[in-house]
C-alpha cells in the first residue's frame, strides 16, 4: 500500500471501464485511497464499484453538464472532507457541446464510442 495515497479521496471520471476503471481499482486496492467511481449512469458506477475491493464510492456525474457537476461536488464534499486527487478520464463529444447540426452528428456517430 502506498503511503502517499493512504486515506486520500480520489475522483476518477469515466471509471466504469478501461483505463479509468484500472486507475480507480489501483487507488482503492493497492493505494489505500477511497476511489470515487464516476459515470453518467449511476447504475454503471455502482456495478463497477462492486468489482473493486477496498474503499470505493459510486457517483453519478455528467462532466458536460454544469448542474450535474455542482450536484456531484455537493454530494462528495458532504460525504468526504475533501478531494485530494482528480483523474479527468471522462470523454465528451465536442459536437454535443457546440450543437452541430444532426447531419454532421450522423457522419461522426460511427467514430463515437461511449
N, C-alpha and C. Protein backbone atom coordinates (compact mmCIF):
# COMPACT_ATOMS: atom_id res chain seq x y z
N UNK A 1 0.85 -1.19 0.00
CA UNK A 1 0.00 0.00 0.00
C UNK A 1 0.89 1.24 0.00
N UNK A 2 0.55 2.17 -0.85
CA UNK A 2 1.30 3.42 -0.94
C UNK A 2 0.88 4.37 0.17
N UNK A 3 1.86 4.85 0.90
CA UNK A 3 1.55 5.81 1.97
C UNK A 3 1.14 7.17 1.40
N UNK A 4 1.54 7.44 0.16
CA UNK A 4 1.15 8.71 -0.46
C UNK A 4 -0.36 8.80 -0.70
N UNK A 5 -1.00 7.66 -0.95
CA UNK A 5 -2.43 7.65 -1.24
C UNK A 5 -3.29 7.26 -0.04
N UNK A 6 -2.69 6.73 0.98
CA UNK A 6 -3.44 6.22 2.14
C UNK A 6 -4.37 7.29 2.69
N UNK A 7 -5.64 6.92 2.80
CA UNK A 7 -6.70 7.77 3.36
C UNK A 7 -7.01 9.02 2.53
N UNK A 8 -6.54 9.06 1.29
CA UNK A 8 -6.89 10.17 0.40
C UNK A 8 -8.16 9.80 -0.36
N UNK A 9 -8.85 10.80 -0.90
CA UNK A 9 -10.03 10.58 -1.72
C UNK A 9 -9.68 10.95 -3.15
N UNK A 10 -9.89 9.99 -4.05
CA UNK A 10 -9.58 10.22 -5.46
C UNK A 10 -10.81 10.06 -6.32
N UNK A 11 -11.12 11.08 -7.11
CA UNK A 11 -12.23 11.04 -8.05
C UNK A 11 -11.67 10.65 -9.41
N UNK A 12 -12.27 9.62 -10.01
CA UNK A 12 -11.86 9.19 -11.35
C UNK A 12 -13.10 9.24 -12.23
N UNK A 13 -13.17 10.25 -13.10
CA UNK A 13 -14.32 10.33 -14.00
C UNK A 13 -14.14 9.30 -15.11
N UNK A 14 -15.25 8.83 -15.65
CA UNK A 14 -15.20 7.82 -16.70
C UNK A 14 -14.51 6.55 -16.23
N UNK A 15 -14.88 6.09 -15.05
CA UNK A 15 -14.14 4.98 -14.43
C UNK A 15 -14.92 3.68 -14.33
N UNK A 16 -15.88 3.49 -15.21
CA UNK A 16 -16.64 2.23 -15.17
C UNK A 16 -16.00 1.15 -16.03
N UNK A 17 -15.01 1.53 -16.82
CA UNK A 17 -14.30 0.54 -17.65
C UNK A 17 -12.96 1.12 -18.12
N UNK A 18 -12.17 0.28 -18.73
CA UNK A 18 -10.92 0.72 -19.34
C UNK A 18 -9.91 1.31 -18.37
N UNK A 19 -9.20 2.31 -18.83
CA UNK A 19 -8.14 2.93 -18.05
C UNK A 19 -8.68 3.56 -16.77
N UNK A 20 -9.82 4.22 -16.85
CA UNK A 20 -10.41 4.84 -15.66
C UNK A 20 -10.72 3.82 -14.59
N UNK A 21 -11.28 2.68 -15.00
CA UNK A 21 -11.58 1.61 -14.04
C UNK A 21 -10.29 1.09 -13.41
N UNK A 22 -9.27 0.88 -14.22
CA UNK A 22 -7.99 0.38 -13.71
C UNK A 22 -7.37 1.35 -12.70
N UNK A 23 -7.48 2.65 -12.97
CA UNK A 23 -6.94 3.65 -12.05
C UNK A 23 -7.70 3.64 -10.73
N UNK A 24 -9.03 3.63 -10.80
CA UNK A 24 -9.85 3.59 -9.58
C UNK A 24 -9.55 2.33 -8.77
N UNK A 25 -9.42 1.22 -9.45
CA UNK A 25 -9.13 -0.05 -8.79
C UNK A 25 -7.77 0.00 -8.10
N UNK A 26 -6.79 0.54 -8.77
CA UNK A 26 -5.45 0.66 -8.19
C UNK A 26 -5.46 1.56 -6.96
N UNK A 27 -6.14 2.69 -7.05
CA UNK A 27 -6.25 3.59 -5.89
C UNK A 27 -6.81 2.86 -4.68
N UNK A 28 -7.94 2.15 -4.88
CA UNK A 28 -8.64 1.53 -3.76
C UNK A 28 -7.96 0.26 -3.26
N UNK A 29 -7.50 -0.58 -4.18
CA UNK A 29 -6.99 -1.88 -3.78
C UNK A 29 -5.53 -1.87 -3.36
N UNK A 30 -4.73 -1.02 -3.98
CA UNK A 30 -3.30 -1.04 -3.70
C UNK A 30 -2.76 0.27 -3.14
N UNK A 31 -3.55 1.31 -3.26
CA UNK A 31 -3.07 2.61 -2.81
C UNK A 31 -3.61 3.04 -1.46
N UNK A 32 -4.65 2.40 -0.99
CA UNK A 32 -5.24 2.77 0.29
C UNK A 32 -6.13 3.99 0.23
N UNK A 33 -6.42 4.47 -0.97
CA UNK A 33 -7.29 5.64 -1.13
C UNK A 33 -8.74 5.21 -1.24
N UNK A 34 -9.63 6.16 -1.04
CA UNK A 34 -11.04 5.95 -1.37
C UNK A 34 -11.21 6.38 -2.81
N UNK A 35 -11.66 5.47 -3.65
CA UNK A 35 -11.86 5.76 -5.06
C UNK A 35 -13.31 6.11 -5.31
N UNK A 36 -13.55 7.25 -5.92
CA UNK A 36 -14.89 7.65 -6.33
C UNK A 36 -15.04 7.25 -7.79
N UNK A 37 -15.84 6.21 -8.03
CA UNK A 37 -16.08 5.70 -9.38
C UNK A 37 -17.24 6.50 -9.97
N UNK A 38 -17.01 7.11 -11.12
CA UNK A 38 -18.00 8.03 -11.70
C UNK A 38 -18.48 7.58 -13.07
N UNK A 39 -19.76 7.85 -13.32
CA UNK A 39 -20.37 7.59 -14.61
C UNK A 39 -21.57 8.50 -14.78
N UNK A 40 -21.96 8.74 -16.03
CA UNK A 40 -23.20 9.49 -16.28
C UNK A 40 -24.41 8.68 -15.83
N UNK A 41 -24.25 7.37 -15.78
CA UNK A 41 -25.34 6.47 -15.38
C UNK A 41 -24.97 5.84 -14.04
N UNK A 42 -25.69 6.24 -13.00
CA UNK A 42 -25.37 5.80 -11.63
C UNK A 42 -25.26 4.29 -11.50
N UNK A 43 -26.15 3.56 -12.16
CA UNK A 43 -26.15 2.10 -12.05
C UNK A 43 -24.84 1.51 -12.58
N UNK A 44 -24.28 2.11 -13.62
CA UNK A 44 -22.99 1.64 -14.15
C UNK A 44 -21.88 1.90 -13.15
N UNK A 45 -21.94 3.04 -12.47
CA UNK A 45 -20.94 3.35 -11.45
C UNK A 45 -21.02 2.35 -10.30
N UNK A 46 -22.23 2.02 -9.89
CA UNK A 46 -22.43 1.06 -8.80
C UNK A 46 -21.88 -0.30 -9.21
N UNK A 47 -22.20 -0.73 -10.42
CA UNK A 47 -21.74 -2.04 -10.91
C UNK A 47 -20.20 -2.10 -10.94
N UNK A 48 -19.57 -1.04 -11.41
CA UNK A 48 -18.10 -1.01 -11.45
C UNK A 48 -17.53 -1.00 -10.04
N UNK A 49 -18.13 -0.21 -9.14
CA UNK A 49 -17.63 -0.12 -7.76
C UNK A 49 -17.71 -1.46 -7.05
N UNK A 50 -18.73 -2.25 -7.37
CA UNK A 50 -18.88 -3.57 -6.74
C UNK A 50 -17.77 -4.53 -7.14
N UNK A 51 -17.06 -4.24 -8.22
CA UNK A 51 -15.97 -5.08 -8.69
C UNK A 51 -14.63 -4.69 -8.08
N UNK A 52 -14.62 -3.66 -7.27
CA UNK A 52 -13.38 -3.16 -6.68
C UNK A 52 -13.38 -3.45 -5.19
N UNK A 53 -12.28 -4.02 -4.71
CA UNK A 53 -12.12 -4.26 -3.28
C UNK A 53 -11.50 -3.02 -2.66
N UNK A 54 -11.80 -2.77 -1.42
CA UNK A 54 -11.25 -1.59 -0.76
C UNK A 54 -12.30 -0.51 -0.61
N UNK A 55 -11.85 0.68 -0.31
CA UNK A 55 -12.77 1.80 -0.10
C UNK A 55 -13.14 2.40 -1.45
N UNK A 56 -14.43 2.31 -1.76
CA UNK A 56 -14.90 2.80 -3.05
C UNK A 56 -16.30 3.37 -2.90
N UNK A 57 -16.61 4.38 -3.69
CA UNK A 57 -17.91 5.04 -3.64
C UNK A 57 -18.35 5.29 -5.08
N UNK A 58 -19.58 4.96 -5.41
CA UNK A 58 -20.11 5.17 -6.76
C UNK A 58 -20.87 6.48 -6.82
N UNK A 59 -20.65 7.23 -7.89
CA UNK A 59 -21.32 8.52 -8.03
C UNK A 59 -21.69 8.78 -9.49
N UNK A 60 -22.75 9.53 -9.65
CA UNK A 60 -23.22 9.92 -10.99
C UNK A 60 -22.76 11.33 -11.29
N UNK A 61 -22.18 11.51 -12.47
CA UNK A 61 -21.79 12.85 -12.92
C UNK A 61 -21.71 12.88 -14.43
N UNK A 62 -22.23 13.95 -15.01
CA UNK A 62 -22.07 14.21 -16.43
C UNK A 62 -21.17 15.44 -16.51
N UNK A 63 -19.91 15.24 -16.87
CA UNK A 63 -18.94 16.33 -16.83
C UNK A 63 -19.24 17.43 -17.85
N UNK A 64 -20.14 17.18 -18.79
CA UNK A 64 -20.52 18.20 -19.77
C UNK A 64 -21.71 19.03 -19.31
N UNK A 65 -22.22 18.76 -18.10
CA UNK A 65 -23.40 19.43 -17.58
C UNK A 65 -23.05 20.12 -16.26
N UNK A 66 -23.06 21.45 -16.27
CA UNK A 66 -22.67 22.22 -15.08
C UNK A 66 -23.51 21.87 -13.86
N UNK A 67 -24.81 21.68 -14.04
CA UNK A 67 -25.69 21.33 -12.92
C UNK A 67 -25.28 19.99 -12.32
N UNK A 68 -24.99 19.02 -13.17
CA UNK A 68 -24.56 17.71 -12.71
C UNK A 68 -23.24 17.80 -11.93
N UNK A 69 -22.33 18.62 -12.40
CA UNK A 69 -21.04 18.79 -11.72
C UNK A 69 -21.26 19.42 -10.34
N UNK A 70 -22.12 20.42 -10.25
CA UNK A 70 -22.41 21.06 -8.96
C UNK A 70 -23.04 20.06 -7.98
N UNK A 71 -24.01 19.29 -8.46
CA UNK A 71 -24.64 18.27 -7.61
C UNK A 71 -23.62 17.25 -7.12
N UNK A 72 -22.78 16.81 -8.02
CA UNK A 72 -21.73 15.84 -7.69
C UNK A 72 -20.81 16.40 -6.59
N UNK A 73 -20.36 17.63 -6.77
CA UNK A 73 -19.46 18.24 -5.79
C UNK A 73 -20.13 18.37 -4.42
N UNK A 74 -21.38 18.76 -4.39
CA UNK A 74 -22.10 18.86 -3.12
C UNK A 74 -22.20 17.50 -2.45
N UNK A 75 -22.52 16.48 -3.23
CA UNK A 75 -22.64 15.13 -2.69
C UNK A 75 -21.30 14.63 -2.13
N UNK A 76 -20.25 14.78 -2.90
CA UNK A 76 -18.94 14.26 -2.48
C UNK A 76 -18.40 15.03 -1.29
N UNK A 77 -18.50 16.35 -1.32
CA UNK A 77 -17.94 17.14 -0.22
C UNK A 77 -18.77 17.02 1.05
N UNK A 78 -20.03 16.62 0.94
CA UNK A 78 -20.81 16.38 2.16
C UNK A 78 -20.44 15.03 2.78
N UNK A 79 -19.95 14.11 1.97
CA UNK A 79 -19.58 12.79 2.46
C UNK A 79 -18.10 12.71 2.86
N UNK A 80 -17.25 13.38 2.11
CA UNK A 80 -15.81 13.36 2.35
C UNK A 80 -15.33 14.78 2.62
N UNK A 81 -14.31 14.90 3.41
CA UNK A 81 -13.82 16.22 3.79
C UNK A 81 -13.29 17.02 2.59
N UNK A 82 -12.56 16.33 1.72
CA UNK A 82 -12.01 17.00 0.54
C UNK A 82 -11.62 15.97 -0.51
N UNK A 83 -11.40 16.46 -1.71
CA UNK A 83 -10.91 15.63 -2.80
C UNK A 83 -9.42 15.92 -2.94
N UNK A 84 -8.61 14.87 -2.86
CA UNK A 84 -7.17 15.04 -2.97
C UNK A 84 -6.67 14.81 -4.40
N UNK A 85 -7.36 13.95 -5.12
CA UNK A 85 -6.90 13.53 -6.45
C UNK A 85 -8.06 13.62 -7.43
N UNK A 86 -7.80 14.15 -8.61
CA UNK A 86 -8.80 14.16 -9.68
C UNK A 86 -8.15 13.60 -10.93
N UNK A 87 -8.72 12.51 -11.44
CA UNK A 87 -8.30 11.96 -12.73
C UNK A 87 -9.46 12.21 -13.68
N UNK A 88 -9.24 13.12 -14.60
CA UNK A 88 -10.29 13.52 -15.52
C UNK A 88 -10.23 12.62 -16.76
N UNK A 89 -10.86 11.46 -16.66
CA UNK A 89 -10.79 10.44 -17.70
C UNK A 89 -12.04 10.41 -18.58
N UNK A 90 -13.08 11.12 -18.21
CA UNK A 90 -14.33 11.09 -18.99
C UNK A 90 -14.13 11.83 -20.31
N UNK A 91 -14.60 11.22 -21.36
CA UNK A 91 -14.55 11.87 -22.66
C UNK A 91 -15.90 12.50 -22.96
N UNK A 92 -15.86 13.65 -23.61
CA UNK A 92 -17.10 14.28 -24.04
C UNK A 92 -16.99 14.56 -25.53
N UNK A 93 -18.10 14.47 -26.20
CA UNK A 93 -18.15 14.70 -27.63
C UNK A 93 -18.37 16.18 -27.87
N UNK A 94 -17.43 16.83 -28.49
CA UNK A 94 -17.48 18.28 -28.66
C UNK A 94 -18.69 18.74 -29.48
N UNK A 95 -19.15 17.97 -30.44
CA UNK A 95 -20.29 18.44 -31.22
C UNK A 95 -21.55 18.50 -30.37
N UNK A 96 -21.59 17.72 -29.31
CA UNK A 96 -22.74 17.80 -28.41
C UNK A 96 -22.73 19.13 -27.66
N UNK A 97 -21.56 19.61 -27.34
CA UNK A 97 -21.43 20.87 -26.61
C UNK A 97 -21.75 22.06 -27.50
N UNK A 98 -21.24 22.04 -28.72
CA UNK A 98 -21.40 23.18 -29.61
C UNK A 98 -22.67 23.13 -30.44
N UNK A 99 -23.44 22.04 -30.34
CA UNK A 99 -24.73 21.96 -31.01
C UNK A 99 -24.64 21.89 -32.53
N UNK A 100 -23.73 21.13 -33.05
CA UNK A 100 -23.60 20.98 -34.50
C UNK A 100 -24.83 20.25 -35.03
N UNK A 101 -25.23 20.56 -36.23
CA UNK A 101 -26.45 20.01 -36.84
C UNK A 101 -26.44 18.49 -36.86
N UNK A 102 -27.63 17.91 -36.85
CA UNK A 102 -27.80 16.45 -36.85
C UNK A 102 -27.10 15.76 -38.01
N UNK A 103 -27.06 16.38 -39.18
CA UNK A 103 -26.42 15.74 -40.33
C UNK A 103 -24.95 15.47 -40.04
N UNK A 104 -24.30 16.38 -39.37
CA UNK A 104 -22.89 16.18 -39.04
C UNK A 104 -22.76 15.12 -37.95
N UNK A 105 -23.69 15.07 -37.03
CA UNK A 105 -23.65 14.06 -35.98
C UNK A 105 -23.71 12.66 -36.58
N UNK A 106 -24.57 12.47 -37.58
CA UNK A 106 -24.69 11.14 -38.17
C UNK A 106 -23.41 10.74 -38.86
N UNK A 107 -22.67 11.70 -39.41
CA UNK A 107 -21.40 11.39 -40.06
C UNK A 107 -20.35 10.97 -39.03
N UNK A 108 -20.38 11.57 -37.85
CA UNK A 108 -19.36 11.27 -36.84
C UNK A 108 -19.79 10.17 -35.88
N UNK A 109 -21.05 9.77 -35.93
CA UNK A 109 -21.57 8.79 -34.98
C UNK A 109 -20.78 7.49 -35.01
N UNK A 110 -20.36 7.05 -36.18
CA UNK A 110 -19.64 5.78 -36.28
C UNK A 110 -18.29 5.85 -35.57
N UNK A 111 -17.75 7.04 -35.35
CA UNK A 111 -16.47 7.18 -34.66
C UNK A 111 -16.63 7.37 -33.15
N UNK A 112 -17.84 7.61 -32.71
CA UNK A 112 -18.09 7.91 -31.31
C UNK A 112 -18.38 6.63 -30.54
N UNK A 113 -17.62 6.40 -29.47
CA UNK A 113 -17.86 5.23 -28.62
C UNK A 113 -18.02 5.72 -27.19
N UNK A 114 -18.99 5.21 -26.51
CA UNK A 114 -19.23 5.60 -25.12
C UNK A 114 -18.81 4.50 -24.20
